[in-house]
PDB file of all heavy atoms in Angstrom:
ATOM      1  N   PRO A   1      38.620 -56.697 -95.103  1.00  0.00           N
ATOM      2  CA  PRO A   1      40.076 -56.948 -94.947  1.00  0.00           C
ATOM      3  C   PRO A   1      40.751 -55.839 -94.290  1.00  0.00           C
ATOM      4  O   PRO A   1      40.390 -54.676 -94.412  1.00  0.00           O
ATOM      5  CB  PRO A   1      40.526 -57.053 -96.436  1.00  0.00           C
ATOM      6  CG  PRO A   1      39.223 -57.375 -97.178  1.00  0.00           C
ATOM      7  CD  PRO A   1      38.131 -56.665 -96.414  1.00  0.00           C
ATOM      8  N   VAL A   2      41.808 -56.119 -93.537  1.00  0.00           N
ATOM      9  CA  VAL A   2      42.615 -55.163 -92.829  1.00  0.00           C
ATOM     10  C   VAL A   2      44.103 -55.376 -93.152  1.00  0.00           C
ATOM     11  O   VAL A   2      44.571 -56.489 -93.440  1.00  0.00           O
ATOM     12  CB  VAL A   2      42.398 -55.216 -91.332  1.00  0.00           C
ATOM     13  CG1 VAL A   2      40.969 -54.848 -91.001  1.00  0.00           C
ATOM     14  CG2 VAL A   2      42.777 -56.493 -90.731  1.00  0.00           C
ATOM     15  N   SER A   3      44.815 -54.312 -93.153  1.00  0.00           N
ATOM     16  CA  SER A   3      46.357 -54.351 -93.362  1.00  0.00           C
ATOM     17  C   SER A   3      46.914 -53.115 -92.748  1.00  0.00           C
ATOM     18  O   SER A   3      46.227 -52.287 -92.241  1.00  0.00           O
ATOM     19  CB  SER A   3      46.673 -54.505 -94.824  1.00  0.00           C
ATOM     20  OG  SER A   3      46.237 -53.322 -95.517  1.00  0.00           O
ATOM     21  N   SER A   4      48.282 -53.082 -92.770  1.00  0.00           N
ATOM     22  CA  SER A   4      48.973 -51.880 -92.163  1.00  0.00           C
ATOM     23  C   SER A   4      50.058 -51.559 -93.225  1.00  0.00           C
ATOM     24  O   SER A   4      50.242 -52.292 -94.215  1.00  0.00           O
ATOM     25  CB  SER A   4      49.499 -52.196 -90.896  1.00  0.00           C
ATOM     26  OG  SER A   4      50.584 -53.036 -90.870  1.00  0.00           O
ATOM     27  N   ASP A   5      50.852 -50.612 -92.933  1.00  0.00           N
ATOM     28  CA  ASP A   5      51.959 -50.251 -93.761  1.00  0.00           C
ATOM     29  C   ASP A   5      53.060 -51.272 -93.797  1.00  0.00           C
ATOM     30  O   ASP A   5      53.846 -51.451 -94.728  1.00  0.00           O
ATOM     31  CB  ASP A   5      52.613 -48.952 -93.348  1.00  0.00           C
ATOM     32  CG  ASP A   5      53.508 -48.376 -94.386  1.00  0.00           C
ATOM     33  OD1 ASP A   5      53.242 -48.276 -95.533  1.00  0.00           O
ATOM     34  OD2 ASP A   5      54.674 -48.080 -94.035  1.00  0.00           O
ATOM     35  N   THR A   6      53.122 -52.131 -92.755  1.00  0.00           N
ATOM     36  CA  THR A   6      54.182 -53.130 -92.641  1.00  0.00           C
ATOM     37  C   THR A   6      53.656 -54.627 -92.707  1.00  0.00           C
ATOM     38  O   THR A   6      54.454 -55.476 -93.105  1.00  0.00           O
ATOM     39  CB  THR A   6      54.917 -52.999 -91.330  1.00  0.00           C
ATOM     40  OG1 THR A   6      53.995 -53.031 -90.208  1.00  0.00           O
ATOM     41  CG2 THR A   6      55.655 -51.599 -91.310  1.00  0.00           C
ATOM     42  N   VAL A   7      52.382 -54.837 -92.357  1.00  0.00           N
ATOM     43  CA  VAL A   7      51.817 -56.152 -92.429  1.00  0.00           C
ATOM     44  C   VAL A   7      50.771 -56.315 -93.478  1.00  0.00           C
ATOM     45  O   VAL A   7      49.872 -55.455 -93.569  1.00  0.00           O
ATOM     46  CB  VAL A   7      51.186 -56.464 -91.006  1.00  0.00           C
ATOM     47  CG1 VAL A   7      50.525 -57.909 -91.025  1.00  0.00           C
ATOM     48  CG2 VAL A   7      52.234 -56.394 -89.883  1.00  0.00           C
ATOM     49  N   SER A   8      50.889 -57.325 -94.304  1.00  0.00           N
ATOM     50  CA  SER A   8      49.972 -57.531 -95.496  1.00  0.00           C
ATOM     51  C   SER A   8      48.593 -57.809 -95.030  1.00  0.00           C
ATOM     52  O   SER A   8      48.287 -58.016 -93.833  1.00  0.00           O
ATOM     53  CB  SER A   8      50.601 -58.610 -96.323  1.00  0.00           C
ATOM     54  OG  SER A   8      50.564 -59.907 -95.686  1.00  0.00           O
ATOM     55  N   VAL A   9      47.665 -57.930 -96.013  1.00  0.00           N
ATOM     56  CA  VAL A   9      46.295 -58.017 -95.724  1.00  0.00           C
ATOM     57  C   VAL A   9      45.868 -59.345 -95.060  1.00  0.00           C
ATOM     58  O   VAL A   9      46.511 -60.317 -95.226  1.00  0.00           O
ATOM     59  CB  VAL A   9      45.570 -57.849 -97.094  1.00  0.00           C
ATOM     60  CG1 VAL A   9      45.872 -59.124 -97.941  1.00  0.00           C
ATOM     61  CG2 VAL A   9      44.059 -57.653 -96.876  1.00  0.00           C
ATOM     62  N   ARG A  10      44.905 -59.207 -94.226  1.00  0.00           N
ATOM     63  CA  ARG A  10      44.223 -60.430 -93.681  1.00  0.00           C
ATOM     64  C   ARG A  10      42.712 -60.056 -93.531  1.00  0.00           C
ATOM     65  O   ARG A  10      42.246 -58.964 -93.691  1.00  0.00           O
ATOM     66  CB  ARG A  10      44.782 -60.704 -92.271  1.00  0.00           C
ATOM     67  CG  ARG A  10      44.510 -59.688 -91.195  1.00  0.00           C
ATOM     68  CD  ARG A  10      45.072 -60.081 -89.890  1.00  0.00           C
ATOM     69  NE  ARG A  10      44.767 -59.033 -88.858  1.00  0.00           N
ATOM     70  CZ  ARG A  10      43.658 -58.922 -88.168  1.00  0.00           C
ATOM     71  NH1 ARG A  10      42.725 -59.884 -88.359  1.00  0.00           N
ATOM     72  NH2 ARG A  10      43.569 -58.051 -87.280  1.00  0.00           N
ATOM     73  N   ILE A  11      41.995 -61.145 -93.419  1.00  0.00           N
ATOM     74  CA  ILE A  11      40.510 -61.015 -93.212  1.00  0.00           C
ATOM     75  C   ILE A  11      40.158 -61.541 -91.836  1.00  0.00           C
ATOM     76  O   ILE A  11      40.433 -62.789 -91.623  1.00  0.00           O
ATOM     77  CB  ILE A  11      39.679 -61.720 -94.263  1.00  0.00           C
ATOM     78  CG1 ILE A  11      40.070 -61.148 -95.687  1.00  0.00           C
ATOM     79  CG2 ILE A  11      38.265 -61.570 -94.056  1.00  0.00           C
ATOM     80  CD1 ILE A  11      39.409 -61.853 -96.777  1.00  0.00           C
ATOM     81  N   PRO A  12      39.635 -60.779 -90.917  1.00  0.00           N
ATOM     82  CA  PRO A  12      39.371 -61.302 -89.538  1.00  0.00           C
ATOM     83  C   PRO A  12      38.554 -62.508 -89.617  1.00  0.00           C
ATOM     84  O   PRO A  12      37.612 -62.697 -90.341  1.00  0.00           O
ATOM     85  CB  PRO A  12      38.607 -60.102 -88.918  1.00  0.00           C
ATOM     86  CG  PRO A  12      39.052 -58.936 -89.613  1.00  0.00           C
ATOM     87  CD  PRO A  12      39.296 -59.395 -91.109  1.00  0.00           C
ATOM     88  N   ASN A  13      38.966 -63.517 -88.735  1.00  0.00           N
ATOM     89  CA  ASN A  13      38.339 -64.735 -88.583  1.00  0.00           C
ATOM     90  C   ASN A  13      38.385 -65.690 -89.834  1.00  0.00           C
ATOM     91  O   ASN A  13      37.744 -66.662 -90.003  1.00  0.00           O
ATOM     92  CB  ASN A  13      36.862 -64.654 -88.297  1.00  0.00           C
ATOM     93  CG  ASN A  13      36.580 -63.750 -87.023  1.00  0.00           C
ATOM     94  OD1 ASN A  13      37.349 -63.954 -86.016  1.00  0.00           O
ATOM     95  ND2 ASN A  13      35.687 -62.810 -87.054  1.00  0.00           N
ATOM     96  N   LYS A  14      39.340 -65.407 -90.709  1.00  0.00           N
ATOM     97  CA  LYS A  14      39.593 -66.178 -91.881  1.00  0.00           C
ATOM     98  C   LYS A  14      41.070 -66.623 -91.861  1.00  0.00           C
ATOM     99  O   LYS A  14      41.976 -65.818 -91.638  1.00  0.00           O
ATOM    100  CB  LYS A  14      39.251 -65.416 -93.210  1.00  0.00           C
ATOM    101  CG  LYS A  14      37.830 -65.027 -93.377  1.00  0.00           C
ATOM    102  CD  LYS A  14      37.075 -66.206 -94.072  1.00  0.00           C
ATOM    103  CE  LYS A  14      35.676 -65.681 -94.475  1.00  0.00           C
ATOM    104  NZ  LYS A  14      34.978 -66.749 -95.233  1.00  0.00           N
ATOM    105  N   PRO A  15      41.364 -67.859 -92.229  1.00  0.00           N
ATOM    106  CA  PRO A  15      42.774 -68.339 -92.172  1.00  0.00           C
ATOM    107  C   PRO A  15      43.567 -67.888 -93.371  1.00  0.00           C
ATOM    108  O   PRO A  15      44.829 -67.760 -93.355  1.00  0.00           O
ATOM    109  CB  PRO A  15      42.720 -69.825 -92.160  1.00  0.00           C
ATOM    110  CG  PRO A  15      41.386 -70.165 -92.889  1.00  0.00           C
ATOM    111  CD  PRO A  15      40.391 -68.948 -92.483  1.00  0.00           C
ATOM    112  N   TRP A  16      42.897 -67.487 -94.470  1.00  0.00           N
ATOM    113  CA  TRP A  16      43.499 -67.042 -95.681  1.00  0.00           C
ATOM    114  C   TRP A  16      42.973 -65.679 -96.143  1.00  0.00           C
ATOM    115  O   TRP A  16      41.717 -65.559 -96.014  1.00  0.00           O
ATOM    116  CB  TRP A  16      43.336 -68.069 -96.838  1.00  0.00           C
ATOM    117  CG  TRP A  16      43.934 -69.389 -96.553  1.00  0.00           C
ATOM    118  CD1 TRP A  16      43.320 -70.467 -95.935  1.00  0.00           C
ATOM    119  CD2 TRP A  16      45.290 -69.814 -96.787  1.00  0.00           C
ATOM    120  NE1 TRP A  16      44.178 -71.538 -95.789  1.00  0.00           N
ATOM    121  CE2 TRP A  16      45.378 -71.155 -96.337  1.00  0.00           C
ATOM    122  CE3 TRP A  16      46.418 -69.218 -97.356  1.00  0.00           C
ATOM    123  CZ2 TRP A  16      46.531 -71.849 -96.397  1.00  0.00           C
ATOM    124  CZ3 TRP A  16      47.605 -69.913 -97.413  1.00  0.00           C
ATOM    125  CH2 TRP A  16      47.734 -71.231 -96.956  1.00  0.00           C
ATOM    126  N   PRO A  17      43.782 -64.756 -96.643  1.00  0.00           N
ATOM    127  CA  PRO A  17      45.204 -64.917 -96.746  1.00  0.00           C
ATOM    128  C   PRO A  17      45.920 -64.747 -95.424  1.00  0.00           C
ATOM    129  O   PRO A  17      45.409 -64.227 -94.465  1.00  0.00           O
ATOM    130  CB  PRO A  17      45.601 -63.673 -97.701  1.00  0.00           C
ATOM    131  CG  PRO A  17      44.485 -62.666 -97.341  1.00  0.00           C
ATOM    132  CD  PRO A  17      43.215 -63.472 -97.141  1.00  0.00           C
ATOM    133  N   VAL A  18      47.159 -65.383 -95.429  1.00  0.00           N
ATOM    134  CA  VAL A  18      47.971 -65.399 -94.263  1.00  0.00           C
ATOM    135  C   VAL A  18      48.700 -64.039 -94.119  1.00  0.00           C
ATOM    136  O   VAL A  18      49.301 -63.514 -95.091  1.00  0.00           O
ATOM    137  CB  VAL A  18      49.027 -66.460 -94.229  1.00  0.00           C
ATOM    138  CG1 VAL A  18      49.934 -66.401 -92.980  1.00  0.00           C
ATOM    139  CG2 VAL A  18      48.311 -67.835 -94.277  1.00  0.00           C
ATOM    140  N   ALA A  19      48.506 -63.287 -93.038  1.00  0.00           N
ATOM    141  CA  ALA A  19      49.152 -61.997 -92.884  1.00  0.00           C
ATOM    142  C   ALA A  19      50.597 -62.161 -92.483  1.00  0.00           C
ATOM    143  O   ALA A  19      51.037 -63.077 -91.749  1.00  0.00           O
ATOM    144  CB  ALA A  19      48.446 -61.179 -91.817  1.00  0.00           C
ATOM    145  N   GLY A  20      51.525 -61.279 -93.053  1.00  0.00           N
ATOM    146  CA  GLY A  20      52.914 -61.334 -92.735  1.00  0.00           C
ATOM    147  C   GLY A  20      53.549 -60.069 -93.175  1.00  0.00           C
ATOM    148  O   GLY A  20      52.891 -59.281 -93.807  1.00  0.00           O
ATOM    149  N   ALA A  21      54.851 -59.916 -92.906  1.00  0.00           N
ATOM    150  CA  ALA A  21      55.520 -58.729 -93.439  1.00  0.00           C
ATOM    151  C   ALA A  21      55.478 -58.758 -94.993  1.00  0.00           C
ATOM    152  O   ALA A  21      55.553 -59.872 -95.659  1.00  0.00           O
ATOM    153  CB  ALA A  21      57.036 -58.733 -92.970  1.00  0.00           C
ATOM    154  N   TYR A  22      55.343 -57.635 -95.558  1.00  0.00           N
ATOM    155  CA  TYR A  22      55.395 -57.514 -97.050  1.00  0.00           C
ATOM    156  C   TYR A  22      56.697 -58.106 -97.534  1.00  0.00           C
ATOM    157  O   TYR A  22      57.756 -57.954 -96.916  1.00  0.00           O
ATOM    158  CB  TYR A  22      55.271 -56.086 -97.530  1.00  0.00           C
ATOM    159  CG  TYR A  22      53.820 -55.497 -97.354  1.00  0.00           C
ATOM    160  CD1 TYR A  22      53.442 -54.690 -96.326  1.00  0.00           C
ATOM    161  CD2 TYR A  22      52.759 -55.911 -98.308  1.00  0.00           C
ATOM    162  CE1 TYR A  22      52.102 -54.192 -96.217  1.00  0.00           C
ATOM    163  CE2 TYR A  22      51.449 -55.487 -98.137  1.00  0.00           C
ATOM    164  CZ  TYR A  22      51.193 -54.579 -97.192  1.00  0.00           C
ATOM    165  OH  TYR A  22      49.865 -54.166 -96.982  1.00  0.00           O
ATOM    166  N   PRO A  23      56.668 -58.705 -98.743  1.00  0.00           N
ATOM    167  CA  PRO A  23      57.974 -59.194 -99.286  1.00  0.00           C
ATOM    168  C   PRO A  23      58.872 -58.080 -99.782  1.00  0.00           C
ATOM    169  O   PRO A  23      58.460 -56.910-100.026  1.00  0.00           O
ATOM    170  CB  PRO A  23      57.477 -59.990-100.516  1.00  0.00           C
ATOM    171  CG  PRO A  23      56.203 -59.390-100.909  1.00  0.00           C
ATOM    172  CD  PRO A  23      55.574 -58.902 -99.665  1.00  0.00           C
ATOM    173  N   LYS A  24      60.128 -58.332 -99.824  1.00  0.00           N
ATOM    174  CA  LYS A  24      61.068 -57.507-100.468  1.00  0.00           C
ATOM    175  C   LYS A  24      60.719 -57.151-101.949  1.00  0.00           C
ATOM    176  O   LYS A  24      60.024 -57.989-102.558  1.00  0.00           O
ATOM    177  CB  LYS A  24      62.485 -58.155-100.394  1.00  0.00           C
ATOM    178  CG  LYS A  24      63.669 -57.258-100.821  1.00  0.00           C
ATOM    179  CD  LYS A  24      64.949 -58.097-100.657  1.00  0.00           C
ATOM    180  CE  LYS A  24      66.175 -57.281-100.973  1.00  0.00           C
ATOM    181  NZ  LYS A  24      66.306 -57.032-102.493  1.00  0.00           N
ATOM    182  N   GLU A  25      61.111 -56.089-102.443  1.00  0.00           N
ATOM    183  CA  GLU A  25      60.824 -55.734-103.796  1.00  0.00           C
ATOM    184  C   GLU A  25      61.200 -56.814-104.794  1.00  0.00           C
ATOM    185  O   GLU A  25      62.193 -57.491-104.526  1.00  0.00           O
ATOM    186  CB  GLU A  25      61.516 -54.424-104.225  1.00  0.00           C
ATOM    187  CG  GLU A  25      61.016 -53.170-103.475  1.00  0.00           C
ATOM    188  CD  GLU A  25      61.581 -52.920-102.076  1.00  0.00           C
ATOM    189  OE1 GLU A  25      62.315 -53.817-101.693  1.00  0.00           O
ATOM    190  OE2 GLU A  25      61.233 -51.918-101.534  1.00  0.00           O
ATOM    191  N   GLY A  26      60.459 -56.967-105.817  1.00  0.00           N
ATOM    192  CA  GLY A  26      60.798 -58.010-106.879  1.00  0.00           C
ATOM    193  C   GLY A  26      60.155 -59.316-106.605  1.00  0.00           C
ATOM    194  O   GLY A  26      60.494 -60.322-107.332  1.00  0.00           O
ATOM    195  N   ALA A  27      59.293 -59.413-105.652  1.00  0.00           N
ATOM    196  CA  ALA A  27      58.636 -60.727-105.292  1.00  0.00           C
ATOM    197  C   ALA A  27      57.837 -61.245-106.503  1.00  0.00           C
ATOM    198  O   ALA A  27      57.122 -60.547-107.189  1.00  0.00           O
ATOM    199  CB  ALA A  27      57.706 -60.574-104.130  1.00  0.00           C
ATOM    200  N   LEU A  28      58.031 -62.573-106.816  1.00  0.00           N
ATOM    201  CA  LEU A  28      57.291 -63.244-107.858  1.00  0.00           C
ATOM    202  C   LEU A  28      55.799 -63.479-107.443  1.00  0.00           C
ATOM    203  O   LEU A  28      54.930 -63.372-108.317  1.00  0.00           O
ATOM    204  CB  LEU A  28      57.946 -64.502-108.147  1.00  0.00           C
ATOM    205  CG  LEU A  28      59.322 -64.519-108.865  1.00  0.00           C
ATOM    206  CD1 LEU A  28      59.775 -65.888-109.100  1.00  0.00           C
ATOM    207  CD2 LEU A  28      59.114 -63.853-110.274  1.00  0.00           C
ATOM    208  N   LEU A  29      55.591 -63.816-106.204  1.00  0.00           N
ATOM    209  CA  LEU A  29      54.280 -64.104-105.777  1.00  0.00           C
ATOM    210  C   LEU A  29      53.643 -62.956-104.954  1.00  0.00           C
ATOM    211  O   LEU A  29      54.351 -62.270-104.213  1.00  0.00           O
ATOM    212  CB  LEU A  29      54.304 -65.381-104.855  1.00  0.00           C
ATOM    213  CG  LEU A  29      55.051 -66.592-105.492  1.00  0.00           C
ATOM    214  CD1 LEU A  29      55.117 -67.740-104.408  1.00  0.00           C
ATOM    215  CD2 LEU A  29      54.481 -67.093-106.723  1.00  0.00           C
ATOM    216  N   PRO A  30      52.339 -62.705-105.029  1.00  0.00           N
ATOM    217  CA  PRO A  30      51.287 -63.518-105.852  1.00  0.00           C
ATOM    218  C   PRO A  30      51.012 -62.956-107.183  1.00  0.00           C
ATOM    219  O   PRO A  30      50.009 -63.231-107.830  1.00  0.00           O
ATOM    220  CB  PRO A  30      50.121 -63.306-104.914  1.00  0.00           C
ATOM    221  CG  PRO A  30      50.275 -61.907-104.474  1.00  0.00           C
ATOM    222  CD  PRO A  30      51.755 -61.720-104.196  1.00  0.00           C
ATOM    223  N   PHE A  31      51.930 -62.188-107.722  1.00  0.00           N
ATOM    224  CA  PHE A  31      51.761 -61.455-109.041  1.00  0.00           C
ATOM    225  C   PHE A  31      51.836 -62.447-110.162  1.00  0.00           C
ATOM    226  O   PHE A  31      51.275 -62.175-111.246  1.00  0.00           O
ATOM    227  CB  PHE A  31      52.816 -60.370-109.192  1.00  0.00           C
ATOM    228  CG  PHE A  31      52.840 -59.425-107.988  1.00  0.00           C
ATOM    229  CD1 PHE A  31      53.878 -59.494-107.078  1.00  0.00           C
ATOM    230  CD2 PHE A  31      51.911 -58.489-107.811  1.00  0.00           C
ATOM    231  CE1 PHE A  31      53.943 -58.640-106.052  1.00  0.00           C
ATOM    232  CE2 PHE A  31      51.979 -57.627-106.778  1.00  0.00           C
ATOM    233  CZ  PHE A  31      52.971 -57.669-105.886  1.00  0.00           C
ATOM    234  N   ASN A  32      52.474 -63.605-109.926  1.00  0.00           N
ATOM    235  CA  ASN A  32      52.585 -64.555-110.970  1.00  0.00           C
ATOM    236  C   ASN A  32      52.338 -65.964-110.502  1.00  0.00           C
ATOM    237  O   ASN A  32      52.247 -66.148-109.236  1.00  0.00           O
ATOM    238  CB  ASN A  32      54.088 -64.641-111.516  1.00  0.00           C
ATOM    239  CG  ASN A  32      54.578 -63.294-111.932  1.00  0.00           C
ATOM    240  OD1 ASN A  32      54.344 -62.813-113.068  1.00  0.00           O
ATOM    241  ND2 ASN A  32      55.270 -62.604-111.050  1.00  0.00           N
ATOM    242  N   ARG A  33      52.063 -66.894-111.360  1.00  0.00           N
ATOM    243  CA  ARG A  33      51.880 -68.258-110.881  1.00  0.00           C
ATOM    244  C   ARG A  33      53.046 -69.051-111.514  1.00  0.00           C
ATOM    245  O   ARG A  33      53.431 -68.822-112.684  1.00  0.00           O
ATOM    246  CB  ARG A  33      50.550 -68.846-111.422  1.00  0.00           C
ATOM    247  CG  ARG A  33      50.403 -70.377-111.113  1.00  0.00           C
ATOM    248  CD  ARG A  33      48.984 -70.881-111.438  1.00  0.00           C
ATOM    249  NE  ARG A  33      48.021 -70.394-110.323  1.00  0.00           N
ATOM    250  CZ  ARG A  33      47.127 -69.453-110.462  1.00  0.00           C
ATOM    251  NH1 ARG A  33      47.006 -68.798-111.653  1.00  0.00           N
ATOM    252  NH2 ARG A  33      46.332 -69.167-109.496  1.00  0.00           N
ATOM    253  N   ILE A  34      53.657 -70.005-110.734  1.00  0.00           N
ATOM    254  CA  ILE A  34      54.767 -70.791-111.192  1.00  0.00           C
ATOM    255  C   ILE A  34      54.249 -72.146-111.760  1.00  0.00           C
ATOM    256  O   ILE A  34      53.511 -72.845-111.051  1.00  0.00           O
ATOM    257  CB  ILE A  34      55.832 -70.922-110.083  1.00  0.00           C
ATOM    258  CG1 ILE A  34      56.317 -69.574-109.640  1.00  0.00           C
ATOM    259  CG2 ILE A  34      57.000 -71.858-110.573  1.00  0.00           C
ATOM    260  CD1 ILE A  34      57.118 -69.561-108.452  1.00  0.00           C
ATOM    261  N   LEU A  35      54.685 -72.519-112.947  1.00  0.00           N
ATOM    262  CA  LEU A  35      54.366 -73.762-113.541  1.00  0.00           C
ATOM    263  C   LEU A  35      55.653 -74.559-113.697  1.00  0.00           C
ATOM    264  O   LEU A  35      56.517 -74.214-114.507  1.00  0.00           O
ATOM    265  CB  LEU A  35      53.693 -73.620-114.977  1.00  0.00           C
ATOM    266  CG  LEU A  35      52.197 -73.463-115.035  1.00  0.00           C
ATOM    267  CD1 LEU A  35      51.545 -74.835-114.735  1.00  0.00           C
ATOM    268  CD2 LEU A  35      51.669 -72.358-114.105  1.00  0.00           C
ATOM    269  N   ALA A  36      55.819 -75.603-112.834  1.00  0.00           N
ATOM    270  CA  ALA A  36      57.185 -76.250-112.726  1.00  0.00           C
ATOM    271  C   ALA A  36      57.126 -77.713-113.292  1.00  0.00           C
ATOM    272  O   ALA A  36      56.135 -78.522-112.968  1.00  0.00           O
ATOM    273  CB  ALA A  36      57.644 -76.222-111.338  1.00  0.00           C
ATOM    274  N   TYR A  37      58.130 -78.019-114.095  1.00  0.00           N
ATOM    275  CA  TYR A  37      58.370 -79.427-114.499  1.00  0.00           C
ATOM    276  C   TYR A  37      59.502 -79.990-113.659  1.00  0.00           C
ATOM    277  O   TYR A  37      60.462 -79.387-113.436  1.00  0.00           O
ATOM    278  CB  TYR A  37      58.784 -79.496-115.949  1.00  0.00           C
ATOM    279  CG  TYR A  37      57.656 -79.817-116.900  1.00  0.00           C
ATOM    280  CD1 TYR A  37      56.318 -79.611-116.518  1.00  0.00           C
ATOM    281  CD2 TYR A  37      57.781 -80.225-118.136  1.00  0.00           C
ATOM    282  CE1 TYR A  37      55.259 -79.852-117.322  1.00  0.00           C
ATOM    283  CE2 TYR A  37      56.807 -80.528-119.021  1.00  0.00           C
ATOM    284  CZ  TYR A  37      55.443 -80.354-118.659  1.00  0.00           C
ATOM    285  OH  TYR A  37      54.412 -80.554-119.468  1.00  0.00           O
ATOM    286  N   TYR A  38      59.187 -81.180-113.072  1.00  0.00           N
ATOM    287  CA  TYR A  38      59.954 -81.787-111.973  1.00  0.00           C
ATOM    288  C   TYR A  38      60.713 -83.077-112.497  1.00  0.00           C
ATOM    289  O   TYR A  38      60.232 -83.784-113.387  1.00  0.00           O
ATOM    290  CB  TYR A  38      58.969 -82.134-110.847  1.00  0.00           C
ATOM    291  CG  TYR A  38      59.484 -82.888-109.644  1.00  0.00           C
ATOM    292  CD1 TYR A  38      59.986 -82.239-108.585  1.00  0.00           C
ATOM    293  CD2 TYR A  38      59.356 -84.262-109.679  1.00  0.00           C
ATOM    294  CE1 TYR A  38      60.429 -82.937-107.404  1.00  0.00           C
ATOM    295  CE2 TYR A  38      59.838 -84.954-108.511  1.00  0.00           C
ATOM    296  CZ  TYR A  38      60.385 -84.323-107.446  1.00  0.00           C
ATOM    297  OH  TYR A  38      60.729 -84.970-106.365  1.00  0.00           O
ATOM    298  N   GLY A  39      61.871 -83.319-111.855  1.00  0.00           N
ATOM    299  CA  GLY A  39      62.497 -84.621-112.150  1.00  0.00           C
ATOM    300  C   GLY A  39      63.980 -84.586-111.984  1.00  0.00           C
ATOM    301  O   GLY A  39      64.489 -83.618-111.387  1.00  0.00           O
ATOM    302  N   ASN A  40      64.643 -85.565-112.490  1.00  0.00           N
ATOM    303  CA  ASN A  40      66.057 -85.754-112.422  1.00  0.00           C
ATOM    304  C   ASN A  40      66.547 -86.231-113.753  1.00  0.00           C
ATOM    305  O   ASN A  40      65.929 -87.190-114.325  1.00  0.00           O
ATOM    306  CB  ASN A  40      66.462 -86.732-111.300  1.00  0.00           C
ATOM    307  CG  ASN A  40      67.942 -86.848-111.102  1.00  0.00           C
ATOM    308  OD1 ASN A  40      68.533 -87.691-111.853  1.00  0.00           O
ATOM    309  ND2 ASN A  40      68.497 -86.198-110.202  1.00  0.00           N
ATOM    310  N   PHE A  41      67.629 -85.766-114.225  1.00  0.00           N
ATOM    311  CA  PHE A  41      68.135 -86.111-115.623  1.00  0.00           C
ATOM    312  C   PHE A  41      68.595 -87.554-115.699  1.00  0.00           C
ATOM    313  O   PHE A  41      68.719 -88.098-116.812  1.00  0.00           O
ATOM    314  CB  PHE A  41      69.277 -85.142-116.059  1.00  0.00           C
ATOM    315  CG  PHE A  41      68.755 -83.774-116.092  1.00  0.00           C
ATOM    316  CD1 PHE A  41      69.516 -82.726-115.583  1.00  0.00           C
ATOM    317  CD2 PHE A  41      67.572 -83.441-116.670  1.00  0.00           C
ATOM    318  CE1 PHE A  41      69.167 -81.365-115.600  1.00  0.00           C
ATOM    319  CE2 PHE A  41      67.104 -82.060-116.812  1.00  0.00           C
ATOM    320  CZ  PHE A  41      67.894 -81.060-116.254  1.00  0.00           C
TER     321      PHE A  41
END
Protein backbone atom coordinates (compact mmCIF):
# COMPACT_ATOMS: atom_id res chain seq x y z
CA PRO A 1 0.00 0.00 0.00
CA VAL A 2 1.11 3.56 -0.70
CA SER A 3 -0.07 6.93 0.60
CA SER A 4 1.19 10.46 1.11
CA ASP A 5 0.67 13.20 3.65
CA THR A 6 -2.28 14.52 1.65
CA VAL A 7 -3.64 11.50 -0.26
CA SER A 8 -5.03 8.47 1.57
CA VAL A 9 -3.89 4.91 1.09
CA ARG A 10 -4.23 2.92 -2.12
CA ILE A 11 -2.91 -0.42 -3.32
CA PRO A 12 -1.39 -0.36 -6.82
CA ASN A 13 -3.48 -2.20 -9.40
CA LYS A 14 -6.36 -2.58 -6.94
CA PRO A 15 -9.63 -0.57 -7.16
CA TRP A 16 -10.13 -0.60 -3.38
CA PRO A 17 -9.46 1.30 -1.23
CA VAL A 18 -10.17 4.39 -3.31
CA ALA A 19 -7.48 7.03 -2.80
CA GLY A 20 -8.52 10.60 -2.16
CA ALA A 21 -7.83 13.56 0.06
CA TYR A 22 -7.96 12.72 3.75
CA PRO A 23 -11.25 13.71 5.35
CA LYS A 24 -11.65 16.70 7.60
CA GLU A 25 -11.25 16.00 11.31
CA GLY A 26 -14.18 14.24 12.97
CA ALA A 27 -14.95 11.90 10.07
CA LEU A 28 -17.28 9.04 10.99
CA LEU A 29 -15.95 6.71 8.29
CA PRO A 30 -14.16 4.31 8.20
CA PHE A 31 -13.79 4.38 11.99
CA ASN A 32 -17.46 3.45 12.50
CA ARG A 33 -20.15 1.55 10.65
CA ILE A 34 -23.58 3.18 10.24
CA LEU A 35 -26.71 1.05 10.88
CA ALA A 36 -29.73 2.91 9.49
CA TYR A 37 -33.46 2.37 9.75
CA TYR A 38 -35.24 3.80 6.70
CA GLY A 39 -38.74 4.99 5.92
CA ASN A 40 -41.38 7.68 6.20
CA PHE A 41 -43.71 8.37 9.11
